[in-house]
Protein backbone atom coordinates (compact mmCIF):
# COMPACT_ATOMS: atom_id res chain seq x y z
CA MET A 1 -25.16 -23.90 21.30
CA PRO A 2 -22.93 -21.40 19.42
CA SER A 3 -19.33 -21.03 20.58
CA LEU A 4 -16.70 -18.36 19.96
CA SER A 5 -12.94 -18.97 20.25
CA LEU A 6 -9.66 -17.63 18.96
CA LEU A 7 -8.65 -19.19 15.65
CA GLU A 8 -5.60 -21.41 16.08
CA ASN A 9 -3.74 -20.07 13.01
CA GLN A 10 -3.60 -16.28 13.36
CA GLY A 11 -2.47 -13.90 10.63
CA PHE A 12 -0.02 -11.03 11.06
CA SER A 13 -2.33 -8.01 11.01
CA ASN A 14 -5.69 -8.87 12.58
CA THR A 15 -7.16 -11.04 15.35
CA ASN A 16 -9.35 -13.88 14.08
CA TYR A 17 -12.08 -15.78 15.92
CA ILE A 18 -14.13 -18.78 14.84
CA LEU A 19 -17.85 -18.70 15.57
CA LYS A 20 -19.32 -22.22 15.52
CA THR A 21 -23.08 -22.63 15.12
CA THR A 22 -25.28 -25.66 14.51
CA LYS A 23 -25.61 -24.80 10.80
CA LYS A 24 -22.36 -23.08 9.75
CA ASN A 25 -19.06 -21.80 11.04
CA TYR A 26 -17.86 -18.24 10.56
CA ILE A 27 -14.64 -16.26 10.85
CA ILE A 28 -14.79 -12.96 12.71
CA LYS A 29 -11.81 -10.82 11.77
CA VAL A 30 -11.18 -8.00 14.24
CA PHE A 31 -9.21 -5.38 12.36
CA GLY A 32 -5.77 -4.22 13.45
CA ALA A 33 -4.81 -0.55 13.46
CA HIS A 34 -4.23 -0.14 9.71
CA CYS A 35 -5.48 2.44 7.24
CA ILE A 36 -7.39 0.04 5.00
CA ASP A 37 -10.42 0.77 2.82
CA ARG A 38 -12.67 -1.88 4.41
CA ASN A 39 -15.51 -1.20 1.99
CA MET A 40 -13.20 -2.04 -0.91
CA GLU A 41 -11.90 -5.13 0.93
CA PHE A 42 -15.49 -6.35 1.44
CA ASN A 43 -16.43 -5.74 -2.21
CA ILE A 44 -13.30 -7.51 -3.51
CA ALA A 45 -13.92 -10.43 -1.14
CA PHE A 46 -17.48 -10.70 -2.48
CA GLU A 47 -16.26 -10.68 -6.11
CA ALA A 48 -13.71 -13.39 -5.23
CA TYR A 49 -16.51 -15.43 -3.65
CA LYS A 50 -18.59 -15.09 -6.83
CA LYS A 51 -15.59 -16.38 -8.84
CA GLY A 52 -15.32 -19.40 -6.52
CA ILE A 53 -11.93 -18.44 -5.11
CA GLY A 54 -12.85 -17.02 -1.70
CA SER A 55 -15.20 -17.42 1.24
CA LYS A 56 -18.51 -15.60 1.38
CA PRO A 57 -18.29 -12.25 3.22
CA ILE A 58 -21.38 -11.66 5.37
CA TYR A 59 -20.94 -8.33 7.16
CA TYR A 60 -18.40 -5.62 7.97
CA ASP A 61 -18.05 -2.33 9.76
CA GLU A 62 -15.06 -0.22 10.78
CA SER A 63 -13.92 -2.72 13.44
CA PHE A 64 -14.60 -6.24 12.18
CA MET A 65 -15.69 -8.44 9.29
CA ILE A 66 -17.62 -11.74 9.27
CA CYS A 67 -17.05 -14.37 6.56
CA GLU A 68 -18.08 -17.98 6.16
CA PHE A 69 -15.41 -20.37 7.46
CA ILE A 70 -13.61 -22.50 4.85
CA GLU A 71 -12.57 -26.01 5.86
CA GLY A 72 -9.12 -27.01 4.65
CA VAL A 73 -5.41 -26.92 5.35
CA HIS A 74 -2.43 -24.68 4.71
CA LYS A 75 0.52 -26.05 2.73
CA THR A 76 4.13 -24.95 2.58
CA LYS A 77 5.27 -27.47 -0.04
CA LEU A 78 3.51 -27.68 -3.39
CA LYS A 79 3.15 -30.60 -5.79
CA LYS A 80 2.77 -30.13 -9.53
CA LEU A 81 -1.04 -30.30 -9.36
CA ASP A 82 -1.08 -27.69 -6.57
CA ILE A 83 1.01 -25.36 -8.74
CA LYS A 84 -1.32 -25.88 -11.69
CA ASN A 85 -4.36 -25.13 -9.54
CA ILE A 86 -2.73 -22.00 -8.07
CA ALA A 87 -1.91 -20.75 -11.58
CA LEU A 88 -5.53 -21.27 -12.67
CA LEU A 89 -6.79 -19.59 -9.47
CA LEU A 90 -4.57 -16.57 -10.17
CA LYS A 91 -5.95 -16.34 -13.70
CA ARG A 92 -9.48 -16.14 -12.25
CA LEU A 93 -8.39 -13.59 -9.64
CA HIS A 94 -6.63 -11.45 -12.23
CA GLY A 95 -9.79 -11.46 -14.34
CA ILE A 96 -11.93 -9.79 -11.66
CA LYS A 97 -13.05 -6.28 -12.52
CA ILE A 98 -13.78 -3.84 -9.72
CA ASN A 99 -16.17 -0.98 -10.48
CA LYS A 100 -14.18 1.60 -8.55
CA ARG A 101 -11.94 4.28 -9.94
CA VAL A 102 -8.36 3.19 -9.45
CA PHE A 103 -5.66 5.84 -9.48
CA ASN A 104 -2.59 5.34 -11.69
CA ARG A 105 -3.93 2.08 -13.08
CA LYS A 106 -1.92 0.97 -16.09
CA LYS A 107 -3.49 -0.82 -19.02
CA ASP A 108 -1.86 -4.18 -18.27
CA HIS A 109 -2.57 -4.07 -14.52
CA VAL A 110 -5.00 -6.55 -12.98
CA LEU A 111 -6.55 -7.10 -9.58
CA CYS A 112 -3.80 -8.64 -7.41
CA HIS A 113 -4.13 -10.15 -3.94
CA HIS A 114 -0.80 -8.65 -2.74
CA ASP A 115 -0.46 -11.03 0.25
CA LEU A 116 -0.10 -14.54 -1.15
CA ASN A 117 1.72 -16.13 1.76
CA PRO A 118 0.88 -19.79 2.59
CA LYS A 119 -1.45 -18.77 5.44
CA ASN A 120 -3.77 -17.11 2.93
CA PHE A 121 -4.28 -20.26 0.84
CA ILE A 122 -6.82 -22.84 2.01
CA PHE A 123 -6.45 -26.25 0.32
CA SER A 124 -9.36 -28.70 0.23
CA ASP A 125 -11.21 -30.06 -2.82
CA SER A 126 -10.30 -26.73 -4.41
CA ILE A 127 -8.06 -23.82 -3.40
CA LYS A 128 -9.47 -20.68 -1.85
CA LEU A 129 -7.86 -17.39 -0.85
CA ILE A 130 -8.53 -15.39 2.30
CA ASP A 131 -7.58 -11.92 3.58
CA TRP A 132 -8.30 -9.41 0.83
CA GLU A 133 -7.32 -6.22 2.67
CA TYR A 134 -4.30 -5.45 0.47
CA ALA A 135 -5.91 -6.41 -2.85
CA ARG A 136 -5.45 -3.68 -5.46
CA TYR A 137 -4.52 -3.29 -9.11
CA ASN A 138 -0.93 -4.13 -10.04
CA ASP A 139 1.16 -6.03 -12.56
CA PRO A 140 0.22 -9.77 -12.44
CA TYR A 141 3.91 -10.61 -12.03
CA PHE A 142 3.69 -9.26 -8.48
CA ASP A 143 1.37 -12.12 -7.42
CA LEU A 144 3.36 -14.67 -9.44
CA ALA A 145 6.63 -13.57 -7.85
CA THR A 146 5.03 -13.66 -4.39
CA VAL A 147 4.00 -17.30 -4.86
CA VAL A 148 7.51 -18.22 -6.05
CA VAL A 149 9.15 -16.54 -3.05
CA GLU A 150 6.66 -17.51 -0.32
CA PHE A 151 6.47 -21.19 -1.35
CA LYS A 152 10.24 -21.31 -2.07
CA LEU A 153 9.67 -22.73 -5.56
CA ASN A 154 12.76 -24.08 -7.31
CA LYS A 155 13.44 -23.30 -10.98
CA THR A 156 11.44 -26.29 -12.21
CA LYS A 157 8.38 -25.43 -10.13
CA GLU A 158 8.72 -21.77 -11.07
CA LYS A 159 8.66 -22.80 -14.74
CA TRP A 160 5.53 -24.89 -14.15
CA LEU A 161 3.76 -21.94 -12.52
CA LEU A 162 4.52 -19.64 -15.44
CA GLU A 163 3.64 -22.21 -18.09
CA TYR A 164 0.30 -23.02 -16.44
CA TYR A 165 -0.46 -19.32 -16.02
CA PHE A 166 0.49 -18.17 -19.52
CA LYS A 167 -0.09 -21.45 -21.44
CA ASN A 168 2.51 -20.28 -23.94
CA PRO A 169 6.14 -20.48 -22.80
CA TYR A 170 7.18 -17.85 -25.33
CA ILE A 171 5.21 -15.20 -23.46
CA ILE A 172 7.16 -15.80 -20.27
CA ASN A 173 9.37 -12.89 -19.38
CA LYS A 174 11.90 -14.41 -17.00
CA LYS A 175 13.71 -11.11 -16.51
CA LYS A 176 10.46 -9.49 -15.44
CA LEU A 177 9.75 -12.26 -12.95
CA TYR A 178 13.31 -11.97 -11.63
CA PHE A 179 12.82 -8.22 -11.09
CA PHE A 180 9.52 -8.74 -9.27
CA LYS A 181 11.02 -11.49 -7.07
CA LYS A 182 13.86 -9.18 -6.01
CA SER A 183 11.42 -6.31 -5.39
CA TYR A 184 9.09 -8.52 -3.37
CA ILE A 185 11.93 -9.87 -1.20
CA LYS A 186 12.92 -6.29 -0.29
CA LEU A 187 9.30 -5.33 0.37
CA ARG A 188 8.81 -8.44 2.52
CA LYS A 189 11.86 -7.63 4.68
CA GLN A 190 10.55 -4.11 5.23
CA TRP A 191 7.05 -5.38 6.01
CA PHE A 192 8.20 -7.83 8.70
CA LYS A 193 10.61 -5.25 10.10
CA ASN A 194 7.67 -2.89 10.58
CA ILE A 195 5.52 -5.62 12.17
CA GLU A 196 8.19 -6.33 14.79
CA ILE A 197 8.33 -2.67 15.89
């Protein structure tokens, strides 16, 4: 007998339910009142699924989306192997090409998730990402800086992330990462200030 209940770990913007059936479990995400291109979100989620870094999206309309449920846990503290796997996941994410005209896209911009807080990482045998509503093109340092800030990585762990991502320490632009960290911290404060209103 199928059952529907509120998901225990809720996000900040939407209301999530888990639909349990005899064969599979699904997430039903009821959209909050945000101006989001849900068609683009669905398409990006599907491309992420094809790359093996997201759950399979099943259906969407203007009020909700259904995706396959991913078993796993959230983490707030990362070990070296976790950091390596996140760096490799970001490389796959940043390699996704979306066949939609993107305004003001710069040559070195890639598809970024834009919301890489610990609640949007699911750790199991592999790592998967959820919640693609803010995914758009940007500088890859935005996602890297977000991981550093959200997981409170120290300088050693930050260095591991960059080395695993770039594979060549000479490419690492520490000043650029520093700038993006500062920018993200300001953006984050504004975001949570707006949520509380």
